[in-house]
Amino acid sequence: MKGCNTIQGLWWSLATARNALLVILCSGFASACLAFEKNFFSLTQHVDAGMPPFQIPQFSFQNLDPVTNSTTYKSCADVFK
């Protein structure tokens, strides 16, 4: 019976600590990815620092037509006709 209690105790500890183990494993994976310069977790590409150049905004409209699977471009004059 003593061996059974030991196994139950180990199983209880593992079941209780599974969230902490998952966090430790995932943070180790993320750390290894950063060490090998694999950028799997970034949602953006490289962004240049500073202000963008001053310019008049583009007055055009892009519309995806799901039926024909094509994108139509319209200028401001075409949109307000």
PDB file of N, CA and C in Angstrom:
ATOM      1  N   MET A   1       0.803  -1.199   0.000  1.00  0.00           N
ATOM      2  CA  MET A   1       0.000   0.000   0.000  1.00  0.00           C
ATOM      3  C   MET A   1       0.849   1.268   0.000  1.00  0.00           C
ATOM      4  N   LYS A   2       2.071   1.164   0.555  1.00  0.00           N
ATOM      5  CA  LYS A   2       2.905   2.350   0.620  1.00  0.00           C
ATOM      6  C   LYS A   2       3.327   2.800  -0.780  1.00  0.00           C
ATOM      7  N   GLY A   3       3.602   1.860  -1.675  1.00  0.00           N
ATOM      8  CA  GLY A   3       3.955   2.197  -3.049  1.00  0.00           C
ATOM      9  C   GLY A   3       2.789   2.828  -3.787  1.00  0.00           C
ATOM     10  N   CYS A   4       1.584   2.378  -3.481  1.00  0.00           N
ATOM     11  CA  CYS A   4       0.386   2.930  -4.113  1.00  0.00           C
ATOM     12  C   CYS A   4       0.183   4.383  -3.697  1.00  0.00           C
ATOM     13  N   ASN A   5       0.424   4.686  -2.411  1.00  0.00           N
ATOM     14  CA  ASN A   5       0.291   6.064  -1.932  1.00  0.00           C
ATOM     15  C   ASN A   5       1.329   6.974  -2.583  1.00  0.00           C
ATOM     16  N   THR A   6       2.522   6.440  -2.805  1.00  0.00           N
ATOM     17  CA  THR A   6       3.574   7.219  -3.452  1.00  0.00           C
ATOM     18  C   THR A   6       3.187   7.551  -4.884  1.00  0.00           C
ATOM     19  N   ILE A   7       2.673   6.562  -5.597  1.00  0.00           N
ATOM     20  CA  ILE A   7       2.253   6.781  -6.981  1.00  0.00           C
ATOM     21  C   ILE A   7       1.097   7.775  -7.036  1.00  0.00           C
ATOM     22  N   GLN A   8       0.139   7.641  -6.118  1.00  0.00           N
ATOM     23  CA  GLN A   8      -0.979   8.587  -6.084  1.00  0.00           C
ATOM     24  C   GLN A   8      -0.490   9.997  -5.755  1.00  0.00           C
ATOM     25  N   GLY A   9       0.472  10.103  -4.874  1.00  0.00           N
ATOM     26  CA  GLY A   9       1.029  11.414  -4.529  1.00  0.00           C
ATOM     27  C   GLY A   9       1.746  12.051  -5.703  1.00  0.00           C
ATOM     28  N   LEU A  10       2.520  11.240  -6.438  1.00  0.00           N
ATOM     29  CA  LEU A  10       3.200  11.758  -7.626  1.00  0.00           C
ATOM     30  C   LEU A  10       2.194  12.171  -8.695  1.00  0.00           C
ATOM     31  N   TRP A  11       1.168  11.358  -8.884  1.00  0.00           N
ATOM     32  CA  TRP A  11       0.146  11.679  -9.883  1.00  0.00           C
ATOM     33  C   TRP A  11      -0.592  12.966  -9.510  1.00  0.00           C
ATOM     34  N   TRP A  12      -0.915  13.142  -8.218  1.00  0.00           N
ATOM     35  CA  TRP A  12      -1.592  14.350  -7.756  1.00  0.00           C
ATOM     36  C   TRP A  12      -0.703  15.577  -7.972  1.00  0.00           C
ATOM     37  N   SER A  13       0.588  15.447  -7.678  1.00  0.00           N
ATOM     38  CA  SER A  13       1.520  16.563  -7.868  1.00  0.00           C
ATOM     39  C   SER A  13       1.630  16.940  -9.336  1.00  0.00           C
ATOM     40  N   LEU A  14       1.708  15.939 -10.208  1.00  0.00           N
ATOM     41  CA  LEU A  14       1.804  16.201 -11.638  1.00  0.00           C
ATOM     42  C   LEU A  14       0.528  16.853 -12.160  1.00  0.00           C
ATOM     43  N   ALA A  15      -0.626  16.360 -11.714  1.00  0.00           N
ATOM     44  CA  ALA A  15      -1.895  16.937 -12.161  1.00  0.00           C
ATOM     45  C   ALA A  15      -2.070  18.357 -11.651  1.00  0.00           C
ATOM     46  N   THR A  16      -1.601  18.636 -10.463  1.00  0.00           N
ATOM     47  CA  THR A  16      -1.724  19.979  -9.891  1.00  0.00           C
ATOM     48  C   THR A  16      -0.761  20.952 -10.561  1.00  0.00           C
ATOM     49  N   ALA A  17       0.415  20.499 -10.901  1.00  0.00           N
ATOM     50  CA  ALA A  17       1.446  21.379 -11.442  1.00  0.00           C
ATOM     51  C   ALA A  17       1.472  21.415 -12.965  1.00  0.00           C
ATOM     52  N   ARG A  18       0.492  20.847 -13.648  1.00  0.00           N
ATOM     53  CA  ARG A  18       0.564  20.762 -15.111  1.00  0.00           C
ATOM     54  C   ARG A  18       0.541  22.130 -15.773  1.00  0.00           C
ATOM     55  N   ASN A  19      -0.199  23.105 -15.225  1.00  0.00           N
ATOM     56  CA  ASN A  19      -0.202  24.442 -15.818  1.00  0.00           C
ATOM     57  C   ASN A  19       1.165  25.101 -15.678  1.00  0.00           C
ATOM     58  N   ALA A  20       1.779  24.955 -14.522  1.00  0.00           N
ATOM     59  CA  ALA A  20       3.110  25.521 -14.325  1.00  0.00           C
ATOM     60  C   ALA A  20       4.122  24.833 -15.238  1.00  0.00           C
ATOM     61  N   LEU A  21       4.004  23.523 -15.395  1.00  0.00           N
ATOM     62  CA  LEU A  21       4.908  22.800 -16.299  1.00  0.00           C
ATOM     63  C   LEU A  21       4.728  23.258 -17.741  1.00  0.00           C
ATOM     64  N   LEU A  22       3.493  23.494 -18.149  1.00  0.00           N
ATOM     65  CA  LEU A  22       3.230  23.962 -19.509  1.00  0.00           C
ATOM     66  C   LEU A  22       3.823  25.347 -19.732  1.00  0.00           C
ATOM     67  N   VAL A  23       3.699  26.228 -18.763  1.00  0.00           N
ATOM     68  CA  VAL A  23       4.274  27.571 -18.875  1.00  0.00           C
ATOM     69  C   VAL A  23       5.793  27.490 -18.966  1.00  0.00           C
ATOM     70  N   ILE A  24       6.405  26.647 -18.157  1.00  0.00           N
ATOM     71  CA  ILE A  24       7.863  26.506 -18.179  1.00  0.00           C
ATOM     72  C   ILE A  24       8.331  25.934 -19.513  1.00  0.00           C
ATOM     73  N   LEU A  25       7.648  24.918 -20.023  1.00  0.00           N
ATOM     74  CA  LEU A  25       8.028  24.329 -21.309  1.00  0.00           C
ATOM     75  C   LEU A  25       7.860  25.323 -22.458  1.00  0.00           C
ATOM     76  N   CYS A  26       6.753  26.051 -22.474  1.00  0.00           N
ATOM     77  CA  CYS A  26       6.513  27.010 -23.559  1.00  0.00           C
ATOM     78  C   CYS A  26       7.487  28.184 -23.500  1.00  0.00           C
ATOM     79  N   SER A  27       7.817  28.650 -22.305  1.00  0.00           N
ATOM     80  CA  SER A  27       8.786  29.739 -22.207  1.00  0.00           C
ATOM     81  C   SER A  27      10.181  29.257 -22.603  1.00  0.00           C
ATOM     82  N   GLY A  28      10.507  28.012 -22.316  1.00  0.00           N
ATOM     83  CA  GLY A  28      11.775  27.457 -22.785  1.00  0.00           C
ATOM     84  C   GLY A  28      11.826  27.353 -24.295  1.00  0.00           C
ATOM     85  N   PHE A  29      10.707  26.954 -24.917  1.00  0.00           N
ATOM     86  CA  PHE A  29      10.635  26.888 -26.376  1.00  0.00           C
ATOM     87  C   PHE A  29      10.782  28.278 -26.991  1.00  0.00           C
ATOM     88  N   ALA A  30      10.097  29.269 -26.414  1.00  0.00           N
ATOM     89  CA  ALA A  30      10.199  30.636 -26.926  1.00  0.00           C
ATOM     90  C   ALA A  30      11.615  31.178 -26.762  1.00  0.00           C
ATOM     91  N   SER A  31      12.255  30.865 -25.652  1.00  0.00           N
ATOM     92  CA  SER A  31      13.627  31.306 -25.425  1.00  0.00           C
ATOM     93  C   SER A  31      14.583  30.671 -26.432  1.00  0.00           C
ATOM     94  N   ALA A  32      14.384  29.392 -26.728  1.00  0.00           N
ATOM     95  CA  ALA A  32      15.229  28.719 -27.720  1.00  0.00           C
ATOM     96  C   ALA A  32      15.017  29.312 -29.107  1.00  0.00           C
ATOM     97  N   CYS A  33      13.780  29.648 -29.440  1.00  0.00           N
ATOM     98  CA  CYS A  33      13.502  30.268 -30.742  1.00  0.00           C
ATOM     99  C   CYS A  33      14.195  31.616 -30.859  1.00  0.00           C
ATOM    100  N   LEU A  34      14.173  32.407 -29.796  1.00  0.00           N
ATOM    101  CA  LEU A  34      14.846  33.706 -29.826  1.00  0.00           C
ATOM    102  C   LEU A  34      16.359  33.543 -29.895  1.00  0.00           C
ATOM    103  N   ALA A  35      16.897  32.511 -29.246  1.00  0.00           N
ATOM    104  CA  ALA A  35      18.342  32.284 -29.270  1.00  0.00           C
ATOM    105  C   ALA A  35      18.821  31.938 -30.674  1.00  0.00           C
ATOM    106  N   PHE A  36      17.997  31.231 -31.445  1.00  0.00           N
ATOM    107  CA  PHE A  36      18.358  30.861 -32.808  1.00  0.00           C
ATOM    108  C   PHE A  36      17.783  31.823 -33.838  1.00  0.00           C
ATOM    109  N   GLU A  37      17.311  32.982 -33.380  1.00  0.00           N
ATOM    110  CA  GLU A  37      16.784  34.060 -34.220  1.00  0.00           C
ATOM    111  C   GLU A  37      15.645  33.601 -35.122  1.00  0.00           C
ATOM    112  N   LYS A  38      14.812  32.717 -34.622  1.00  0.00           N
ATOM    113  CA  LYS A  38      13.589  32.312 -35.315  1.00  0.00           C
ATOM    114  C   LYS A  38      12.455  33.141 -34.738  1.00  0.00           C
ATOM    115  N   ASN A  39      11.845  33.954 -35.563  1.00  0.00           N
ATOM    116  CA  ASN A  39      10.841  34.896 -35.080  1.00  0.00           C
ATOM    117  C   ASN A  39       9.446  34.386 -35.432  1.00  0.00           C
ATOM    118  N   PHE A  40       8.964  33.377 -34.703  1.00  0.00           N
ATOM    119  CA  PHE A  40       7.648  32.800 -34.959  1.00  0.00           C
ATOM    120  C   PHE A  40       6.525  33.607 -34.321  1.00  0.00           C
ATOM    121  N   PHE A  41       6.838  34.422 -33.332  1.00  0.00           N
ATOM    122  CA  PHE A  41       5.808  35.025 -32.500  1.00  0.00           C
ATOM    123  C   PHE A  41       5.519  36.481 -32.837  1.00  0.00           C
ATOM    124  N   SER A  42       6.151  37.038 -33.843  1.00  0.00           N
ATOM    125  CA  SER A  42       5.946  38.437 -34.194  1.00  0.00           C
ATOM    126  C   SER A  42       4.758  38.571 -35.135  1.00  0.00           C
ATOM    127  N   LEU A  43       3.910  39.546 -34.868  1.00  0.00           N
ATOM    128  CA  LEU A  43       2.745  39.785 -35.716  1.00  0.00           C
ATOM    129  C   LEU A  43       3.013  40.847 -36.767  1.00  0.00           C
ATOM    130  N   THR A  44       4.120  41.580 -36.658  1.00  0.00           N
ATOM    131  CA  THR A  44       4.440  42.634 -37.613  1.00  0.00           C
ATOM    132  C   THR A  44       5.814  42.388 -38.208  1.00  0.00           C
ATOM    133  N   GLN A  45       6.039  42.971 -39.351  1.00  0.00           N
ATOM    134  CA  GLN A  45       7.352  42.918 -39.984  1.00  0.00           C
ATOM    135  C   GLN A  45       8.188  44.083 -39.460  1.00  0.00           C
ATOM    136  N   HIS A  46       9.320  44.323 -40.077  1.00  0.00           N
ATOM    137  CA  HIS A  46      10.201  45.413 -39.672  1.00  0.00           C
ATOM    138  C   HIS A  46       9.510  46.751 -39.941  1.00  0.00           C
ATOM    139  N   VAL A  47       9.538  47.640 -38.967  1.00  0.00           N
ATOM    140  CA  VAL A  47       8.960  48.974 -39.098  1.00  0.00           C
ATOM    141  C   VAL A  47      10.073  49.983 -38.882  1.00  0.00           C
ATOM    142  N   ASP A  48      10.257  50.881 -39.857  1.00  0.00           N
ATOM    143  CA  ASP A  48      11.286  51.907 -39.725  1.00  0.00           C
ATOM    144  C   ASP A  48      10.898  52.903 -38.643  1.00  0.00           C
ATOM    145  N   ALA A  49      11.884  53.368 -37.911  1.00  0.00           N
ATOM    146  CA  ALA A  49      11.635  54.337 -36.850  1.00  0.00           C
ATOM    147  C   ALA A  49      11.384  55.718 -37.442  1.00  0.00           C
ATOM    148  N   GLY A  50      10.661  56.531 -36.716  1.00  0.00           N
ATOM    149  CA  GLY A  50      10.435  57.909 -37.136  1.00  0.00           C
ATOM    150  C   GLY A  50       9.054  58.116 -37.719  1.00  0.00           C
ATOM    151  N   MET A  51       8.841  59.344 -38.160  1.00  0.00           N
ATOM    152  CA  MET A  51       7.555  59.729 -38.736  1.00  0.00           C
ATOM    153  C   MET A  51       7.524  59.378 -40.219  1.00  0.00           C
ATOM    154  N   PRO A  52       6.369  58.984 -40.733  1.00  0.00           N
ATOM    155  CA  PRO A  52       6.272  58.739 -42.172  1.00  0.00           C
ATOM    156  C   PRO A  52       6.330  60.065 -42.928  1.00  0.00           C
ATOM    157  N   PRO A  53       6.660  60.029 -44.212  1.00  0.00           N
ATOM    158  CA  PRO A  53       6.718  61.283 -44.972  1.00  0.00           C
ATOM    159  C   PRO A  53       5.331  61.917 -45.079  1.00  0.00           C
ATOM    160  N   PHE A  54       5.314  63.250 -45.068  1.00  0.00           N
ATOM    161  CA  PHE A  54       4.052  63.973 -45.167  1.00  0.00           C
ATOM    162  C   PHE A  54       3.576  63.931 -46.611  1.00  0.00           C
ATOM    163  N   GLN A  55       2.348  63.489 -46.818  1.00  0.00           N
ATOM    164  CA  GLN A  55       1.772  63.434 -48.161  1.00  0.00           C
ATOM    165  C   GLN A  55       0.258  63.451 -48.056  1.00  0.00           C
ATOM    166  N   ILE A  56      -0.369  63.788 -49.138  1.00  0.00           N
ATOM    167  CA  ILE A  56      -1.825  63.771 -49.195  1.00  0.00           C
ATOM    168  C   ILE A  56      -2.267  62.311 -49.216  1.00  0.00           C
ATOM    169  N   PRO A  57      -3.303  61.963 -48.460  1.00  0.00           N
ATOM    170  CA  PRO A  57      -3.738  60.561 -48.452  1.00  0.00           C
ATOM    171  C   PRO A  57      -4.290  60.135 -49.804  1.00  0.00           C
ATOM    172  N   GLN A  58      -4.198  58.847 -50.071  1.00  0.00           N
ATOM    173  CA  GLN A  58      -4.746  58.315 -51.315  1.00  0.00           C
ATOM    174  C   GLN A  58      -6.260  58.275 -51.203  1.00  0.00           C
ATOM    175  N   PHE A  59      -6.914  58.811 -52.191  1.00  0.00           N
ATOM    176  CA  PHE A  59      -8.371  58.790 -52.209  1.00  0.00           C
ATOM    177  C   PHE A  59      -8.827  57.675 -53.132  1.00  0.00           C
ATOM    178  N   SER A  60      -8.631  56.462 -52.689  1.00  0.00           N
ATOM    179  CA  SER A  60      -9.067  55.305 -53.472  1.00  0.00           C
ATOM    180  C   SER A  60      -9.685  54.290 -52.524  1.00  0.00           C
ATOM    181  N   PHE A  61     -10.424  53.383 -53.096  1.00  0.00           N
ATOM    182  CA  PHE A  61     -11.171  52.392 -52.329  1.00  0.00           C
ATOM    183  C   PHE A  61     -10.899  51.030 -52.932  1.00  0.00           C
ATOM    184  N   GLN A  62     -10.504  50.069 -52.103  1.00  0.00           N
ATOM    185  CA  GLN A  62     -10.274  48.708 -52.575  1.00  0.00           C
ATOM    186  C   GLN A  62     -11.410  47.834 -52.077  1.00  0.00           C
ATOM    187  N   ASN A  63     -12.020  47.099 -52.977  1.00  0.00           N
ATOM    188  CA  ASN A  63     -13.151  46.253 -52.610  1.00  0.00           C
ATOM    189  C   ASN A  63     -12.908  44.850 -53.145  1.00  0.00           C
ATOM    190  N   LEU A  64     -12.973  43.854 -52.269  1.00  0.00           N
ATOM    191  CA  LEU A  64     -12.822  42.460 -52.684  1.00  0.00           C
ATOM    192  C   LEU A  64     -14.197  41.894 -52.983  1.00  0.00           C
ATOM    193  N   ASP A  65     -14.376  41.418 -54.201  1.00  0.00           N
ATOM    194  CA  ASP A  65     -15.635  40.798 -54.605  1.00  0.00           C
ATOM    195  C   ASP A  65     -15.495  39.293 -54.402  1.00  0.00           C
ATOM    196  N   PRO A  66     -16.182  38.707 -53.403  1.00  0.00           N
ATOM    197  CA  PRO A  66     -16.005  37.277 -53.130  1.00  0.00           C
ATOM    198  C   PRO A  66     -16.572  36.375 -54.219  1.00  0.00           C
ATOM    199  N   VAL A  67     -17.491  36.878 -55.029  1.00  0.00           N
ATOM    200  CA  VAL A  67     -18.078  36.054 -56.088  1.00  0.00           C
ATOM    201  C   VAL A  67     -17.061  35.807 -57.194  1.00  0.00           C
ATOM    202  N   THR A  68     -16.400  36.877 -57.638  1.00  0.00           N
ATOM    203  CA  THR A  68     -15.421  36.739 -58.717  1.00  0.00           C
ATOM    204  C   THR A  68     -13.997  36.589 -58.195  1.00  0.00           C
ATOM    205  N   ASN A  69     -13.814  36.731 -56.870  1.00  0.00           N
ATOM    206  CA  ASN A  69     -12.506  36.645 -56.228  1.00  0.00           C
ATOM    207  C   ASN A  69     -11.516  37.626 -56.855  1.00  0.00           C
ATOM    208  N   SER A  70     -11.969  38.861 -57.025  1.00  0.00           N
ATOM    209  CA  SER A  70     -11.118  39.890 -57.596  1.00  0.00           C
ATOM    210  C   SER A  70     -11.249  41.163 -56.769  1.00  0.00           C
ATOM    211  N   THR A  71     -10.223  41.975 -56.836  1.00  0.00           N
ATOM    212  CA  THR A  71     -10.212  43.246 -56.124  1.00  0.00           C
ATOM    213  C   THR A  71     -10.456  44.360 -57.120  1.00  0.00           C
ATOM    214  N   THR A  72     -11.399  45.228 -56.806  1.00  0.00           N
ATOM    215  CA  THR A  72     -11.670  46.379 -57.663  1.00  0.00           C
ATOM    216  C   THR A  72     -11.153  47.629 -56.965  1.00  0.00           C
ATOM    217  N   TYR A  73     -10.509  48.485 -57.734  1.00  0.00           N
ATOM    218  CA  TYR A  73      -9.976  49.741 -57.217  1.00  0.00           C
ATOM    219  C   TYR A  73     -10.823  50.870 -57.772  1.00  0.00           C
ATOM    220  N   LYS A  74     -11.258  51.748 -56.888  1.00  0.00           N
ATOM    221  CA  LYS A  74     -12.060  52.884 -57.307  1.00  0.00           C
ATOM    222  C   LYS A  74     -11.439  54.148 -56.740  1.00  0.00           C
ATOM    223  N   SER A  75     -11.460  55.194 -57.528  1.00  0.00           N
ATOM    224  CA  SER A  75     -10.980  56.479 -57.033  1.00  0.00           C
ATOM    225  C   SER A  75     -12.094  57.157 -56.255  1.00  0.00           C
ATOM    226  N   CYS A  76     -11.767  58.257 -55.632  1.00  0.00           N
ATOM    227  CA  CYS A  76     -12.750  58.988 -54.839  1.00  0.00           C
ATOM    228  C   CYS A  76     -13.906  59.464 -55.714  1.00  0.00           C
ATOM    229  N   ALA A  77     -13.617  59.896 -56.920  1.00  0.00           N
ATOM    230  CA  ALA A  77     -14.670  60.360 -57.826  1.00  0.00           C
ATOM    231  C   ALA A  77     -15.599  59.212 -58.195  1.00  0.00           C
ATOM    232  N   ASP A  78     -15.066  58.006 -58.383  1.00  0.00           N
ATOM    233  CA  ASP A  78     -15.908  56.851 -58.724  1.00  0.00           C
ATOM    234  C   ASP A  78     -16.773  56.421 -57.546  1.00  0.00           C
ATOM    235  N   VAL A  79     -16.275  56.562 -56.340  1.00  0.00           N
ATOM    236  CA  VAL A  79     -17.018  56.126 -55.161  1.00  0.00           C
ATOM    237  C   VAL A  79     -18.231  57.016 -54.928  1.00  0.00           C
ATOM    238  N   PHE A  80     -18.074  58.329 -55.130  1.00  0.00           N
ATOM    239  CA  PHE A  80     -19.156  59.264 -54.829  1.00  0.00           C
ATOM    240  C   PHE A  80     -20.054  59.571 -56.023  1.00  0.00           C
ATOM    241  N   LYS A  81     -19.949  58.842 -57.117  1.00  0.00           N
ATOM    242  CA  LYS A  81     -20.841  59.055 -58.266  1.00  0.00           C
ATOM    243  C   LYS A  81     -22.206  58.534 -57.980  1.00  0.00           C
TER     244      LYS A  81
END
